[in-house]
Amino acid sequence: MVRNVAGLLPELEAEDFYLLSGVEQGMRFSEWVQREKLPDYSSLTEDEVEYRLERCLKRGLIEKKTIQYEGYTLQFEGYDVLALRTFAERETITEFGSPLGVGKESDVYEVRSYKPHALKYHREGYTNFREVHKERDYASDNEHVSWMYTARKAAEREYETLEALYPDVAVPQPIGQNRHAIVMEKMDGVELSRTRLEDEQVVGVLDLLVSEISRAHELGYVHADMSEYNVFVSEAGVTIFDWPQAVPTDHENADEFLRRDLENILGYFRRKYPRRLPEDLDADSVADSIVDGSFDTVFETNG
């Protein structure tokens, strides 16, 4: 788990951020940035670079390695603090709270400005970069592809998708994005996987969820990673979150991803509430009705 760096902000000086930004700039071309290039990248003197390297190394924001040369790379904590400082300067965030969720591909914290929000740090590629890079089309012909680039592209994709869908689809309201981090509306409710619905609620919740999937498709997006772990259920309805793998509906595999999303959701409801779903309810027919624009409810779709 990457640690919370909010407490470091008061300790760091402007020149520390110049150094961190310089390492970040150098990492566009190489995972390990040569020591002699840092004065140019950071606009600091040689002596200042040396002093700032010691401060940032001590705080675990960068890492040093001697290969053919003396090289430096950002730790995720260094990338976190760069994004957090930008949000603070914009007053997108004025207070930092407790963790809301920690996973393999993201860490989420409660933050605050004029009201509670959620800050999501993308972690894609940090521990399993090769696997994530193989699965996701974040590559660029012009940039060195690293965990940092992968995480930033994931955040950009998710934020752009939220902006396109909100408020017509039940997704968290996007507030801001910088580097690999997103600030969004803090969601109310409970994760679907942890919810035990009453028998009379099952049909309604499933219908709401598939309706939101259909509405997202109408607006040009397929989630492509749907499961019971990225849906919140509350008295107000459902909210779908975690959209970094979303694809446009003109993507060559969009229909396949839509069917997989529906198979995941219908499969979950069938396992947990086996007596509440019709036996002839299947993902293919629901997906067909969404693609051709005739979707109304999952039950009318299946007769």
Protein backbone atom coordinates (compact mmCIF):
# COMPACT_ATOMS: atom_id res chain seq x y z
CA MET A 1 0.00 0.00 0.00
CA VAL A 2 1.30 3.44 -0.96
CA ARG A 3 1.23 5.73 2.05
CA ASN A 4 -0.81 8.90 2.52
CA VAL A 5 1.45 11.85 1.64
CA ALA A 6 -0.90 14.67 2.66
CA GLY A 7 1.13 15.28 5.80
CA LEU A 8 4.24 16.02 3.73
CA LEU A 9 2.79 19.07 1.98
CA PRO A 10 3.61 21.55 4.78
CA GLU A 11 7.20 20.23 4.94
CA LEU A 12 7.99 20.62 1.25
CA GLU A 13 9.30 23.81 -0.31
CA ALA A 14 8.80 25.17 -3.81
CA GLU A 15 12.26 23.96 -4.86
CA ASP A 16 11.39 20.42 -3.76
CA PHE A 17 8.49 20.47 -6.20
CA TYR A 18 10.77 21.86 -8.93
CA LEU A 19 13.01 18.85 -8.40
CA LEU A 20 10.11 16.38 -8.40
CA SER A 21 8.69 17.97 -11.54
CA GLY A 22 12.11 17.72 -13.15
CA VAL A 23 12.30 14.00 -12.44
CA GLU A 24 8.77 13.65 -13.79
CA GLN A 25 9.75 15.45 -17.00
CA GLY A 26 12.81 13.23 -17.45
CA MET A 27 10.72 10.10 -16.98
CA ARG A 28 8.93 10.87 -20.23
CA PHE A 29 12.05 9.55 -21.93
CA SER A 30 13.52 7.03 -19.50
CA GLU A 31 12.48 5.24 -16.34
CA TRP A 32 15.69 6.38 -14.63
CA VAL A 33 16.61 10.03 -15.15
CA GLN A 34 20.31 10.83 -15.38
CA ARG A 35 21.59 12.96 -12.51
CA GLU A 36 23.41 15.40 -14.80
CA LYS A 37 20.16 16.23 -16.65
CA LEU A 38 18.23 17.27 -13.54
CA PRO A 39 19.45 20.90 -13.41
CA ASP A 40 18.00 21.49 -16.88
CA TYR A 41 14.79 19.59 -16.18
CA SER A 42 14.19 21.31 -12.82
CA SER A 43 15.65 24.79 -13.53
CA LEU A 44 17.73 24.45 -10.35
CA THR A 45 21.48 24.93 -9.80
CA GLU A 46 23.75 21.94 -9.28
CA ASP A 47 24.01 22.65 -5.56
CA GLU A 48 20.26 23.09 -5.23
CA VAL A 49 19.59 19.83 -7.07
CA GLU A 50 21.93 18.00 -4.68
CA TYR A 51 20.19 19.44 -1.63
CA ARG A 52 16.70 18.72 -2.96
CA LEU A 53 17.61 15.17 -3.94
CA GLU A 54 18.61 14.46 -0.34
CA ARG A 55 15.35 15.91 1.00
CA CYS A 56 13.17 13.97 -1.44
CA LEU A 57 15.10 10.72 -0.97
CA LYS A 58 14.74 11.05 2.80
CA ARG A 59 10.96 11.39 2.45
CA GLY A 60 10.62 8.45 0.08
CA LEU A 61 9.40 10.56 -2.84
CA ILE A 62 12.12 9.44 -5.26
CA GLU A 63 14.45 6.48 -5.63
CA LYS A 64 18.12 6.38 -6.61
CA LYS A 65 19.81 3.67 -8.65
CA THR A 66 23.28 3.35 -10.10
CA ILE A 67 23.27 1.59 -13.45
CA GLN A 68 25.49 2.82 -16.28
CA TYR A 69 24.86 6.19 -14.66
CA GLU A 70 23.43 7.68 -11.48
CA GLY A 71 19.68 7.70 -12.05
CA TYR A 72 16.56 8.85 -10.22
CA THR A 73 12.90 7.91 -10.58
CA LEU A 74 9.69 9.02 -8.90
CA GLN A 75 8.10 6.78 -6.33
CA PHE A 76 4.30 6.81 -6.43
CA GLU A 77 4.42 8.97 -3.29
CA GLY A 78 6.31 11.60 -5.27
CA TYR A 79 3.72 11.51 -8.03
CA ASP A 80 0.94 11.65 -5.42
CA VAL A 81 2.34 14.75 -3.80
CA LEU A 82 2.69 16.55 -7.15
CA ALA A 83 -0.98 15.93 -7.96
CA LEU A 84 -2.11 16.78 -4.43
CA ARG A 85 -0.25 20.10 -4.47
CA THR A 86 -1.93 21.05 -7.76
CA PHE A 87 -5.38 20.30 -6.32
CA ALA A 88 -4.53 22.34 -3.22
CA GLU A 89 -3.36 25.30 -5.31
CA ARG A 90 -6.61 25.17 -7.30
CA GLU A 91 -8.55 24.88 -4.01
CA THR A 92 -10.15 21.73 -5.38
CA ILE A 93 -9.05 20.18 -2.07
CA THR A 94 -8.77 22.06 1.22
CA GLU A 95 -8.80 19.13 3.67
CA PHE A 96 -7.59 15.53 3.47
CA GLY A 97 -9.46 12.74 5.26
CA SER A 98 -9.38 9.00 5.81
CA PRO A 99 -9.16 6.16 3.24
CA LEU A 100 -12.41 5.12 1.56
CA GLY A 101 -10.96 2.17 -0.31
CA VAL A 102 -7.62 0.67 -1.22
CA GLY A 103 -7.13 -1.75 -4.09
CA LYS A 104 -4.56 -3.08 -6.56
CA GLU A 105 -5.30 -0.39 -9.13
CA SER A 106 -6.42 2.60 -7.06
CA ASP A 107 -6.45 4.23 -3.64
CA VAL A 108 -9.43 6.40 -2.69
CA TYR A 109 -9.50 8.97 0.12
CA GLU A 110 -12.14 11.29 1.49
CA VAL A 111 -11.23 14.92 0.86
CA ARG A 112 -13.06 18.20 1.22
CA SER A 113 -13.46 21.59 -0.36
CA TYR A 114 -16.92 23.14 -0.02
CA LYS A 115 -18.32 19.64 0.66
CA PRO A 116 -16.98 16.08 0.97
CA HIS A 117 -15.46 14.61 -2.19
CA ALA A 118 -13.42 11.53 -3.06
CA LEU A 119 -9.83 11.63 -4.29
CA LYS A 120 -8.84 8.64 -6.41
CA TYR A 121 -5.19 7.90 -7.14
CA HIS A 122 -4.78 5.49 -10.06
CA ARG A 123 -2.13 2.83 -9.43
CA GLU A 124 -2.32 0.91 -12.71
CA GLY A 125 0.98 -0.58 -13.67
CA TYR A 126 2.86 0.15 -10.45
CA THR A 127 3.34 -3.50 -9.46
CA ASN A 128 2.16 -5.31 -12.61
CA PHE A 129 2.99 -2.84 -15.37
CA ARG A 130 3.64 -5.39 -18.10
CA GLU A 131 0.31 -7.11 -17.56
CA VAL A 132 -1.69 -3.87 -17.44
CA HIS A 133 0.10 -2.40 -20.44
CA LYS A 134 -0.64 -5.55 -22.46
CA GLU A 135 -4.36 -5.36 -21.64
CA ARG A 136 -4.90 -1.63 -22.12
CA ASP A 137 -4.20 0.54 -25.13
CA TYR A 138 -2.45 3.40 -23.33
CA ALA A 139 0.72 3.24 -25.41
CA SER A 140 2.10 6.30 -27.17
CA ASP A 141 4.57 6.55 -30.01
CA ASN A 142 6.04 9.73 -28.55
CA GLU A 143 6.49 8.98 -24.84
CA HIS A 144 8.39 6.46 -22.80
CA VAL A 145 5.67 4.13 -21.50
CA SER A 146 5.99 3.59 -17.74
CA TRP A 147 3.74 2.95 -14.75
CA MET A 148 3.47 6.74 -14.39
CA TYR A 149 2.26 7.20 -17.95
CA THR A 150 -0.12 4.23 -17.65
CA ALA A 151 -1.68 5.55 -14.44
CA ARG A 152 -2.06 9.05 -15.87
CA LYS A 153 -3.74 7.77 -19.04
CA ALA A 154 -6.12 5.67 -16.94
CA ALA A 155 -7.09 8.76 -14.91
CA GLU A 156 -7.54 10.86 -18.04
CA ARG A 157 -9.72 8.22 -19.67
CA GLU A 158 -11.88 7.80 -16.59
CA TYR A 159 -12.30 11.54 -16.10
CA GLU A 160 -13.21 12.12 -19.75
CA THR A 161 -15.77 9.32 -19.56
CA LEU A 162 -17.34 10.71 -16.39
CA GLU A 163 -17.56 14.15 -17.98
CA ALA A 164 -19.29 12.68 -21.02
CA LEU A 165 -21.79 10.64 -18.99
CA TYR A 166 -22.64 12.89 -16.03
CA PRO A 167 -25.44 13.73 -15.21
CA ASP A 168 -27.35 11.66 -17.78
CA VAL A 169 -25.94 8.41 -16.41
CA ALA A 170 -25.71 7.61 -12.69
CA VAL A 171 -21.95 8.07 -12.26
CA PRO A 172 -20.02 10.16 -9.71
CA GLN A 173 -19.83 13.83 -10.63
CA PRO A 174 -16.30 14.64 -11.87
CA ILE A 175 -14.70 17.61 -10.06
CA GLY A 176 -11.08 17.72 -11.23
CA GLN A 177 -8.20 15.70 -12.65
CA ASN A 178 -4.42 16.05 -12.48
CA ARG A 179 -1.79 13.51 -13.49
CA HIS A 180 -2.97 10.11 -12.16
CA ALA A 181 -5.56 11.52 -9.75
CA ILE A 182 -9.24 12.38 -9.97
CA VAL A 183 -11.45 14.31 -7.55
CA MET A 184 -15.08 13.31 -7.80
CA GLU A 185 -18.32 13.33 -5.90
CA LYS A 186 -18.32 11.14 -2.81
CA MET A 187 -20.90 8.42 -3.37
CA ASP A 188 -23.67 7.50 -0.98
CA GLY A 189 -24.77 3.94 -0.41
CA VAL A 190 -23.23 0.49 -0.14
CA GLU A 191 -21.28 -1.57 -2.66
CA LEU A 192 -23.60 -3.99 -4.46
CA SER A 193 -21.42 -6.96 -3.47
CA ARG A 194 -22.02 -6.15 0.19
CA THR A 195 -25.76 -5.52 -0.15
CA ARG A 196 -28.47 -8.05 0.66
CA LEU A 197 -31.57 -6.93 -1.21
CA GLU A 198 -35.07 -7.82 -0.15
CA ASP A 199 -36.87 -10.09 -2.60
CA GLU A 200 -39.11 -7.29 -3.81
CA GLN A 201 -36.05 -5.05 -4.47
CA VAL A 202 -34.07 -7.43 -6.68
CA VAL A 203 -35.97 -6.87 -9.92
CA GLY A 204 -36.00 -3.09 -9.48
CA VAL A 205 -32.28 -2.75 -8.71
CA LEU A 206 -31.26 -5.00 -11.62
CA ASP A 207 -33.53 -3.04 -13.96
CA LEU A 208 -32.06 0.27 -12.76
CA LEU A 209 -28.53 -1.00 -13.28
CA VAL A 210 -29.08 -2.34 -16.78
CA SER A 211 -30.94 0.87 -17.68
CA GLU A 212 -27.85 2.88 -16.72
CA ILE A 213 -25.66 0.58 -18.82
CA SER A 214 -28.07 1.14 -21.72
CA ARG A 215 -28.04 4.91 -21.24
CA ALA A 216 -24.24 4.95 -21.20
CA HIS A 217 -24.31 3.01 -24.49
CA GLU A 218 -26.66 5.59 -25.99
CA LEU A 219 -24.11 8.27 -25.07
CA GLY A 220 -21.32 6.30 -26.72
CA TYR A 221 -19.62 4.30 -23.94
CA VAL A 222 -19.28 0.74 -22.67
CA HIS A 223 -17.93 0.27 -19.14
CA ALA A 224 -15.93 -2.87 -20.11
CA ASP A 225 -15.20 -3.90 -16.50
CA MET A 226 -18.62 -4.23 -14.87
CA SER A 227 -19.07 -6.27 -11.73
CA GLU A 228 -20.82 -6.16 -8.38
CA TYR A 229 -17.73 -4.39 -7.00
CA ASN A 230 -18.16 -1.14 -8.95
CA VAL A 231 -21.82 -0.42 -8.27
CA PHE A 232 -23.15 1.47 -5.26
CA VAL A 233 -26.75 0.99 -4.14
CA SER A 234 -28.61 3.61 -2.10
CA GLU A 235 -32.16 4.79 -1.49
CA ALA A 236 -31.73 7.13 -4.47
CA GLY A 237 -30.85 4.27 -6.86
CA VAL A 238 -27.58 2.92 -8.23
CA THR A 239 -24.26 4.56 -9.10
CA ILE A 240 -21.70 2.98 -11.44
CA PHE A 241 -18.06 3.85 -10.80
CA ASP A 242 -14.55 2.79 -11.94
CA TRP A 243 -14.55 3.72 -15.64
CA PRO A 244 -10.82 3.68 -16.65
CA GLN A 245 -11.31 0.72 -18.99
CA ALA A 246 -14.33 2.26 -20.74
CA VAL A 247 -14.36 2.08 -24.53
CA PRO A 248 -16.39 4.04 -27.09
CA THR A 249 -19.21 2.19 -28.76
CA ASP A 250 -17.37 2.33 -32.08
CA HIS A 251 -14.48 0.34 -30.61
CA GLU A 252 -13.99 -2.93 -32.51
CA ASN A 253 -14.68 -4.98 -29.35
CA ALA A 254 -17.41 -2.77 -27.85
CA ASP A 255 -20.23 -5.28 -28.40
CA GLU A 256 -18.15 -8.08 -26.89
CA PHE A 257 -17.36 -5.93 -23.83
CA LEU A 258 -21.04 -4.99 -23.45
CA ARG A 259 -22.07 -8.64 -23.45
CA ARG A 260 -19.35 -9.46 -20.92
CA ASP A 261 -20.54 -6.62 -18.66
CA LEU A 262 -24.10 -7.94 -18.79
CA GLU A 263 -22.98 -11.53 -18.24
CA ASN A 264 -21.09 -10.42 -15.12
CA ILE A 265 -24.05 -8.53 -13.69
CA LEU A 266 -26.73 -11.08 -14.57
CA GLY A 267 -24.47 -13.86 -13.35
CA TYR A 268 -24.04 -12.14 -10.00
CA PHE A 269 -27.79 -11.62 -9.53
CA ARG A 270 -28.53 -15.18 -10.61
CA ARG A 271 -26.03 -16.60 -8.10
CA LYS A 272 -27.16 -14.44 -5.20
CA TYR A 273 -30.90 -14.30 -5.95
CA PRO A 274 -31.54 -17.48 -7.98
CA ARG A 275 -35.31 -17.57 -7.50
CA ARG A 276 -35.90 -13.95 -8.47
CA LEU A 277 -34.71 -14.04 -12.11
CA PRO A 278 -36.47 -15.74 -15.05
CA GLU A 279 -34.53 -18.71 -16.42
CA ASP A 280 -34.72 -17.33 -19.97
CA LEU A 281 -33.09 -14.01 -19.01
CA ASP A 282 -29.79 -13.95 -20.89
CA ALA A 283 -27.08 -11.39 -21.58
CA ASP A 284 -27.09 -11.79 -25.37
CA SER A 285 -30.71 -10.76 -25.86
CA VAL A 286 -30.37 -7.84 -23.44
CA ALA A 287 -27.20 -6.71 -25.23
CA ASP A 288 -28.91 -6.96 -28.62
CA SER A 289 -31.77 -4.75 -27.43
CA ILE A 290 -29.29 -2.17 -26.08
CA VAL A 291 -27.28 -2.11 -29.31
CA ASP A 292 -30.35 -1.73 -31.54
CA GLY A 293 -31.89 0.88 -29.24
CA SER A 294 -35.00 -1.09 -28.30
CA PHE A 295 -34.11 -1.75 -24.64
CA ASP A 296 -36.87 -1.01 -22.13
CA THR A 297 -36.48 -3.43 -19.23
CA VAL A 298 -34.59 -6.68 -18.85
CA PHE A 299 -37.84 -8.53 -18.36
CA GLU A 300 -39.70 -7.23 -21.40
CA THR A 301 -36.58 -7.98 -23.46
CA ASN A 302 -36.92 -11.62 -22.50
CA GLY A 303 -40.66 -11.83 -22.81
